[in-house]
Amino acid sequence: MEKINNLINSMTEPFLLIGDFIVRIGLGVSFFLHGFGKLPNGFRHGVSQGFIDFLAAKGVPLSEMFAYLVAWGEILAGIGIILGGLLIKRDPIMANLITKLSGLTIVIIMINALLIAHSNWSIFIGERGSVLFASEQLFLLLLGFFFFIKGNRT
């Protein structure tokens, strides 16, 4: 077992410095795309009317304002998670702050997404598609907590 462990460690050793960044890329791109998807005609046009109507139907007050906040929050948090990793050597304090604030934004958005948009989904029971998608939502929430708590500390 020790030989197998040492072999695997020797294979992965060169990638230790980019391990966290791989997670950043995945979370950042995912969150950016979630937000950008709510802007059907790109950045110069408004948030999808369908998303606004969905929030209104769920009883969210000021649904148009919240639709914009969610869409832009997802876009900026996704960029922030990646940017926080890119700026570590240039400005470590600012990079850490960007990472933590982006992580907190993700946590806030995901808690509300689970409570409002996905309240009828379950992690353990239900249709296969809903269970799998709910687990993705939970995973995004946990990654947000990870970066909010850890920031850029190693």
C-alpha atoms as a PDB file:
ATOM      1  CA  MET A   1       0.000   0.000   0.000  1.00  0.00           C
ATOM      2  CA  GLU A   2       2.813   2.389   0.837  1.00  0.00           C
ATOM      3  CA  LYS A   3       4.389   1.880  -2.611  1.00  0.00           C
ATOM      4  CA  ILE A   4       1.071   2.621  -4.336  1.00  0.00           C
ATOM      5  CA  ASN A   5       0.575   5.681  -2.127  1.00  0.00           C
ATOM      6  CA  ASN A   6       4.105   6.940  -2.907  1.00  0.00           C
ATOM      7  CA  LEU A   7       3.598   6.335  -6.627  1.00  0.00           C
ATOM      8  CA  ILE A   8       0.340   8.284  -6.661  1.00  0.00           C
ATOM      9  CA  ASN A   9       1.896  11.071  -4.577  1.00  0.00           C
ATOM     10  CA  SER A  10       4.846  11.335  -6.984  1.00  0.00           C
ATOM     11  CA  MET A  11       2.425  11.581  -9.922  1.00  0.00           C
ATOM     12  CA  THR A  12       0.291  14.300  -8.326  1.00  0.00           C
ATOM     13  CA  GLU A  13       3.076  16.303  -6.614  1.00  0.00           C
ATOM     14  CA  PRO A  14       3.609  18.630  -9.627  1.00  0.00           C
ATOM     15  CA  PHE A  15      -0.079  19.607  -9.506  1.00  0.00           C
ATOM     16  CA  LEU A  16      -0.325  20.546  -5.813  1.00  0.00           C
ATOM     17  CA  LEU A  17       0.055  24.257  -6.534  1.00  0.00           C
ATOM     18  CA  ILE A  18      -2.812  24.271  -9.023  1.00  0.00           C
ATOM     19  CA  GLY A  19      -5.192  21.986  -7.108  1.00  0.00           C
ATOM     20  CA  ASP A  20      -7.157  24.821  -5.492  1.00  0.00           C
ATOM     21  CA  PHE A  21      -7.161  26.740  -8.757  1.00  0.00           C
ATOM     22  CA  ILE A  22      -8.770  23.813 -10.591  1.00  0.00           C
ATOM     23  CA  VAL A  23     -11.640  23.980  -8.083  1.00  0.00           C
ATOM     24  CA  ARG A  24     -11.770  27.778  -8.526  1.00  0.00           C
ATOM     25  CA  ILE A  25     -12.073  27.411 -12.296  1.00  0.00           C
ATOM     26  CA  GLY A  26     -14.900  24.885 -11.965  1.00  0.00           C
ATOM     27  CA  LEU A  27     -16.877  26.940  -9.452  1.00  0.00           C
ATOM     28  CA  GLY A  28     -16.134  30.278 -11.120  1.00  0.00           C
ATOM     29  CA  VAL A  29     -17.098  29.160 -14.616  1.00  0.00           C
ATOM     30  CA  SER A  30     -20.201  27.365 -13.327  1.00  0.00           C
ATOM     31  CA  PHE A  31     -21.418  30.387 -11.416  1.00  0.00           C
ATOM     32  CA  PHE A  32     -20.600  32.785 -14.247  1.00  0.00           C
ATOM     33  CA  LEU A  33     -22.583  30.619 -16.671  1.00  0.00           C
ATOM     34  CA  HIS A  34     -25.545  30.376 -14.285  1.00  0.00           C
ATOM     35  CA  GLY A  35     -25.691  34.179 -14.161  1.00  0.00           C
ATOM     36  CA  PHE A  36     -24.999  34.744 -17.848  1.00  0.00           C
ATOM     37  CA  GLY A  37     -27.775  32.291 -18.703  1.00  0.00           C
ATOM     38  CA  LYS A  38     -30.217  34.657 -17.025  1.00  0.00           C
ATOM     39  CA  LEU A  39     -29.235  37.356 -19.560  1.00  0.00           C
ATOM     40  CA  PRO A  40     -30.648  35.835 -22.759  1.00  0.00           C
ATOM     41  CA  ASN A  41     -29.479  38.660 -25.017  1.00  0.00           C
ATOM     42  CA  GLY A  42     -26.110  39.357 -23.446  1.00  0.00           C
ATOM     43  CA  PHE A  43     -24.860  42.024 -21.081  1.00  0.00           C
ATOM     44  CA  ARG A  44     -26.501  45.016 -22.755  1.00  0.00           C
ATOM     45  CA  HIS A  45     -30.018  43.713 -22.353  1.00  0.00           C
ATOM     46  CA  GLY A  46     -32.018  42.907 -19.281  1.00  0.00           C
ATOM     47  CA  VAL A  47     -32.549  39.785 -17.289  1.00  0.00           C
ATOM     48  CA  SER A  48     -34.806  37.123 -18.764  1.00  0.00           C
ATOM     49  CA  GLN A  49     -38.475  37.979 -18.300  1.00  0.00           C
ATOM     50  CA  GLY A  50     -39.035  34.290 -17.647  1.00  0.00           C
ATOM     51  CA  PHE A  51     -36.694  34.441 -14.633  1.00  0.00           C
ATOM     52  CA  ILE A  52     -38.426  37.580 -13.332  1.00  0.00           C
ATOM     53  CA  ASP A  53     -41.838  35.913 -13.749  1.00  0.00           C
ATOM     54  CA  PHE A  54     -40.555  32.751 -12.056  1.00  0.00           C
ATOM     55  CA  LEU A  55     -39.418  34.730  -9.003  1.00  0.00           C
ATOM     56  CA  ALA A  56     -42.715  36.629  -8.906  1.00  0.00           C
ATOM     57  CA  ALA A  57     -44.662  33.353  -9.066  1.00  0.00           C
ATOM     58  CA  LYS A  58     -42.618  32.068  -6.115  1.00  0.00           C
ATOM     59  CA  GLY A  59     -43.704  35.126  -4.127  1.00  0.00           C
ATOM     60  CA  VAL A  60     -40.393  37.001  -4.212  1.00  0.00           C
ATOM     61  CA  PRO A  61     -41.107  40.708  -3.660  1.00  0.00           C
ATOM     62  CA  LEU A  62     -39.427  43.128  -6.056  1.00  0.00           C
ATOM     63  CA  SER A  63     -38.794  40.186  -8.359  1.00  0.00           C
ATOM     64  CA  GLU A  64     -37.272  42.282 -11.155  1.00  0.00           C
ATOM     65  CA  MET A  65     -34.708  43.851  -8.804  1.00  0.00           C
ATOM     66  CA  PHE A  66     -33.852  40.479  -7.268  1.00  0.00           C
ATOM     67  CA  ALA A  67     -33.551  38.894 -10.708  1.00  0.00           C
ATOM     68  CA  TYR A  68     -30.886  41.453 -11.601  1.00  0.00           C
ATOM     69  CA  LEU A  69     -29.135  40.989  -8.245  1.00  0.00           C
ATOM     70  CA  VAL A  70     -29.059  37.214  -8.653  1.00  0.00           C
ATOM     71  CA  ALA A  71     -27.868  37.276 -12.270  1.00  0.00           C
ATOM     72  CA  TRP A  72     -25.135  39.843 -11.653  1.00  0.00           C
ATOM     73  CA  GLY A  73     -24.264  38.303  -8.294  1.00  0.00           C
ATOM     74  CA  GLU A  74     -23.654  34.970  -9.994  1.00  0.00           C
ATOM     75  CA  ILE A  75     -21.591  36.552 -12.768  1.00  0.00           C
ATOM     76  CA  LEU A  76     -19.466  38.672 -10.431  1.00  0.00           C
ATOM     77  CA  ALA A  77     -19.021  35.937  -7.813  1.00  0.00           C
ATOM     78  CA  GLY A  78     -17.854  33.531 -10.522  1.00  0.00           C
ATOM     79  CA  ILE A  79     -15.353  36.064 -11.811  1.00  0.00           C
ATOM     80  CA  GLY A  80     -14.330  36.926  -8.240  1.00  0.00           C
ATOM     81  CA  ILE A  81     -13.555  33.323  -7.275  1.00  0.00           C
ATOM     82  CA  ILE A  82     -11.200  33.038 -10.274  1.00  0.00           C
ATOM     83  CA  LEU A  83      -9.759  36.546  -9.907  1.00  0.00           C
ATOM     84  CA  GLY A  84      -9.086  35.982  -6.204  1.00  0.00           C
ATOM     85  CA  GLY A  85      -6.818  33.097  -7.181  1.00  0.00           C
ATOM     86  CA  LEU A  86      -5.053  35.007  -9.934  1.00  0.00           C
ATOM     87  CA  LEU A  87      -4.190  37.956  -7.673  1.00  0.00           C
ATOM     88  CA  ILE A  88      -2.691  35.975  -4.769  1.00  0.00           C
ATOM     89  CA  LYS A  89       0.932  36.927  -5.490  1.00  0.00           C
ATOM     90  CA  ARG A  90       0.251  40.469  -6.689  1.00  0.00           C
ATOM     91  CA  ASP A  91      -1.963  41.632  -3.801  1.00  0.00           C
ATOM     92  CA  PRO A  92      -2.602  38.854  -1.262  1.00  0.00           C
ATOM     93  CA  ILE A  93      -4.904  40.870   1.010  1.00  0.00           C
ATOM     94  CA  MET A  94      -7.121  42.068  -1.837  1.00  0.00           C
ATOM     95  CA  ALA A  95      -7.109  38.575  -3.382  1.00  0.00           C
ATOM     96  CA  ASN A  96      -8.199  37.032  -0.080  1.00  0.00           C
ATOM     97  CA  LEU A  97     -10.952  39.629   0.352  1.00  0.00           C
ATOM     98  CA  ILE A  98     -12.241  39.052  -3.195  1.00  0.00           C
ATOM     99  CA  THR A  99     -12.240  35.289  -2.625  1.00  0.00           C
ATOM    100  CA  LYS A 100     -14.066  35.502   0.708  1.00  0.00           C
ATOM    101  CA  LEU A 101     -16.684  37.996  -0.527  1.00  0.00           C
ATOM    102  CA  SER A 102     -17.279  35.928  -3.653  1.00  0.00           C
ATOM    103  CA  GLY A 103     -17.646  32.795  -1.529  1.00  0.00           C
ATOM    104  CA  LEU A 104     -20.128  34.585   0.741  1.00  0.00           C
ATOM    105  CA  THR A 105     -22.109  35.776  -2.290  1.00  0.00           C
ATOM    106  CA  ILE A 106     -22.285  32.207  -3.568  1.00  0.00           C
ATOM    107  CA  VAL A 107     -23.478  30.977  -0.153  1.00  0.00           C
ATOM    108  CA  ILE A 108     -26.229  33.604   0.010  1.00  0.00           C
ATOM    109  CA  ILE A 109     -27.395  32.934  -3.546  1.00  0.00           C
ATOM    110  CA  MET A 110     -27.331  29.157  -3.138  1.00  0.00           C
ATOM    111  CA  ILE A 111     -29.224  29.151   0.166  1.00  0.00           C
ATOM    112  CA  ASN A 112     -31.922  31.257  -1.449  1.00  0.00           C
ATOM    113  CA  ALA A 113     -31.884  29.115  -4.603  1.00  0.00           C
ATOM    114  CA  LEU A 114     -32.407  25.982  -2.526  1.00  0.00           C
ATOM    115  CA  LEU A 115     -35.181  27.602  -0.477  1.00  0.00           C
ATOM    116  CA  ILE A 116     -36.993  29.429  -3.290  1.00  0.00           C
ATOM    117  CA  ALA A 117     -36.258  27.863  -6.648  1.00  0.00           C
ATOM    118  CA  HIS A 118     -35.543  24.276  -5.630  1.00  0.00           C
ATOM    119  CA  SER A 119     -37.638  23.847  -2.483  1.00  0.00           C
ATOM    120  CA  ASN A 120     -39.494  20.861  -3.945  1.00  0.00           C
ATOM    121  CA  TRP A 121     -36.288  18.967  -4.724  1.00  0.00           C
ATOM    122  CA  SER A 122     -34.688  16.432  -2.469  1.00  0.00           C
ATOM    123  CA  ILE A 123     -31.130  15.228  -2.163  1.00  0.00           C
ATOM    124  CA  PHE A 124     -32.043  11.622  -1.357  1.00  0.00           C
ATOM    125  CA  ILE A 125     -35.498  10.899  -2.765  1.00  0.00           C
ATOM    126  CA  GLY A 126     -37.455  11.793  -5.847  1.00  0.00           C
ATOM    127  CA  GLU A 127     -36.887  11.581  -9.566  1.00  0.00           C
ATOM    128  CA  ARG A 128     -33.323  10.852 -10.613  1.00  0.00           C
ATOM    129  CA  GLY A 129     -32.854  14.157 -12.450  1.00  0.00           C
ATOM    130  CA  SER A 130     -34.074  16.228  -9.512  1.00  0.00           C
ATOM    131  CA  VAL A 131     -31.897  14.332  -7.054  1.00  0.00           C
ATOM    132  CA  LEU A 132     -28.796  14.785  -9.201  1.00  0.00           C
ATOM    133  CA  PHE A 133     -29.474  18.466  -9.835  1.00  0.00           C
ATOM    134  CA  ALA A 134     -30.183  19.075  -6.146  1.00  0.00           C
ATOM    135  CA  SER A 135     -26.839  17.497  -5.325  1.00  0.00           C
ATOM    136  CA  GLU A 136     -25.171  19.945  -7.739  1.00  0.00           C
ATOM    137  CA  GLN A 137     -26.849  22.836  -5.923  1.00  0.00           C
ATOM    138  CA  LEU A 138     -25.623  21.485  -2.590  1.00  0.00           C
ATOM    139  CA  PHE A 139     -22.123  21.085  -4.013  1.00  0.00           C
ATOM    140  CA  LEU A 140     -22.078  24.720  -5.195  1.00  0.00           C
ATOM    141  CA  LEU A 141     -23.252  25.823  -1.738  1.00  0.00           C
ATOM    142  CA  LEU A 142     -20.494  23.826  -0.039  1.00  0.00           C
ATOM    143  CA  LEU A 143     -17.820  25.210  -2.367  1.00  0.00           C
ATOM    144  CA  GLY A 144     -19.071  28.711  -1.589  1.00  0.00           C
ATOM    145  CA  PHE A 145     -18.685  27.964   2.137  1.00  0.00           C
ATOM    146  CA  PHE A 146     -15.213  26.536   1.476  1.00  0.00           C
ATOM    147  CA  PHE A 147     -13.951  29.715  -0.190  1.00  0.00           C
ATOM    148  CA  PHE A 148     -15.767  31.999   2.269  1.00  0.00           C
ATOM    149  CA  ILE A 149     -14.143  30.242   5.251  1.00  0.00           C
ATOM    150  CA  LYS A 150     -10.746  29.435   3.727  1.00  0.00           C
ATOM    151  CA  GLY A 151     -10.215  32.418   1.486  1.00  0.00           C
ATOM    152  CA  ASN A 152      -6.729  32.094   0.057  1.00  0.00           C
ATOM    153  CA  ARG A 153      -5.120  30.585   3.124  1.00  0.00           C
ATOM    154  CA  THR A 154      -3.199  27.382   2.507  1.00  0.00           C
END
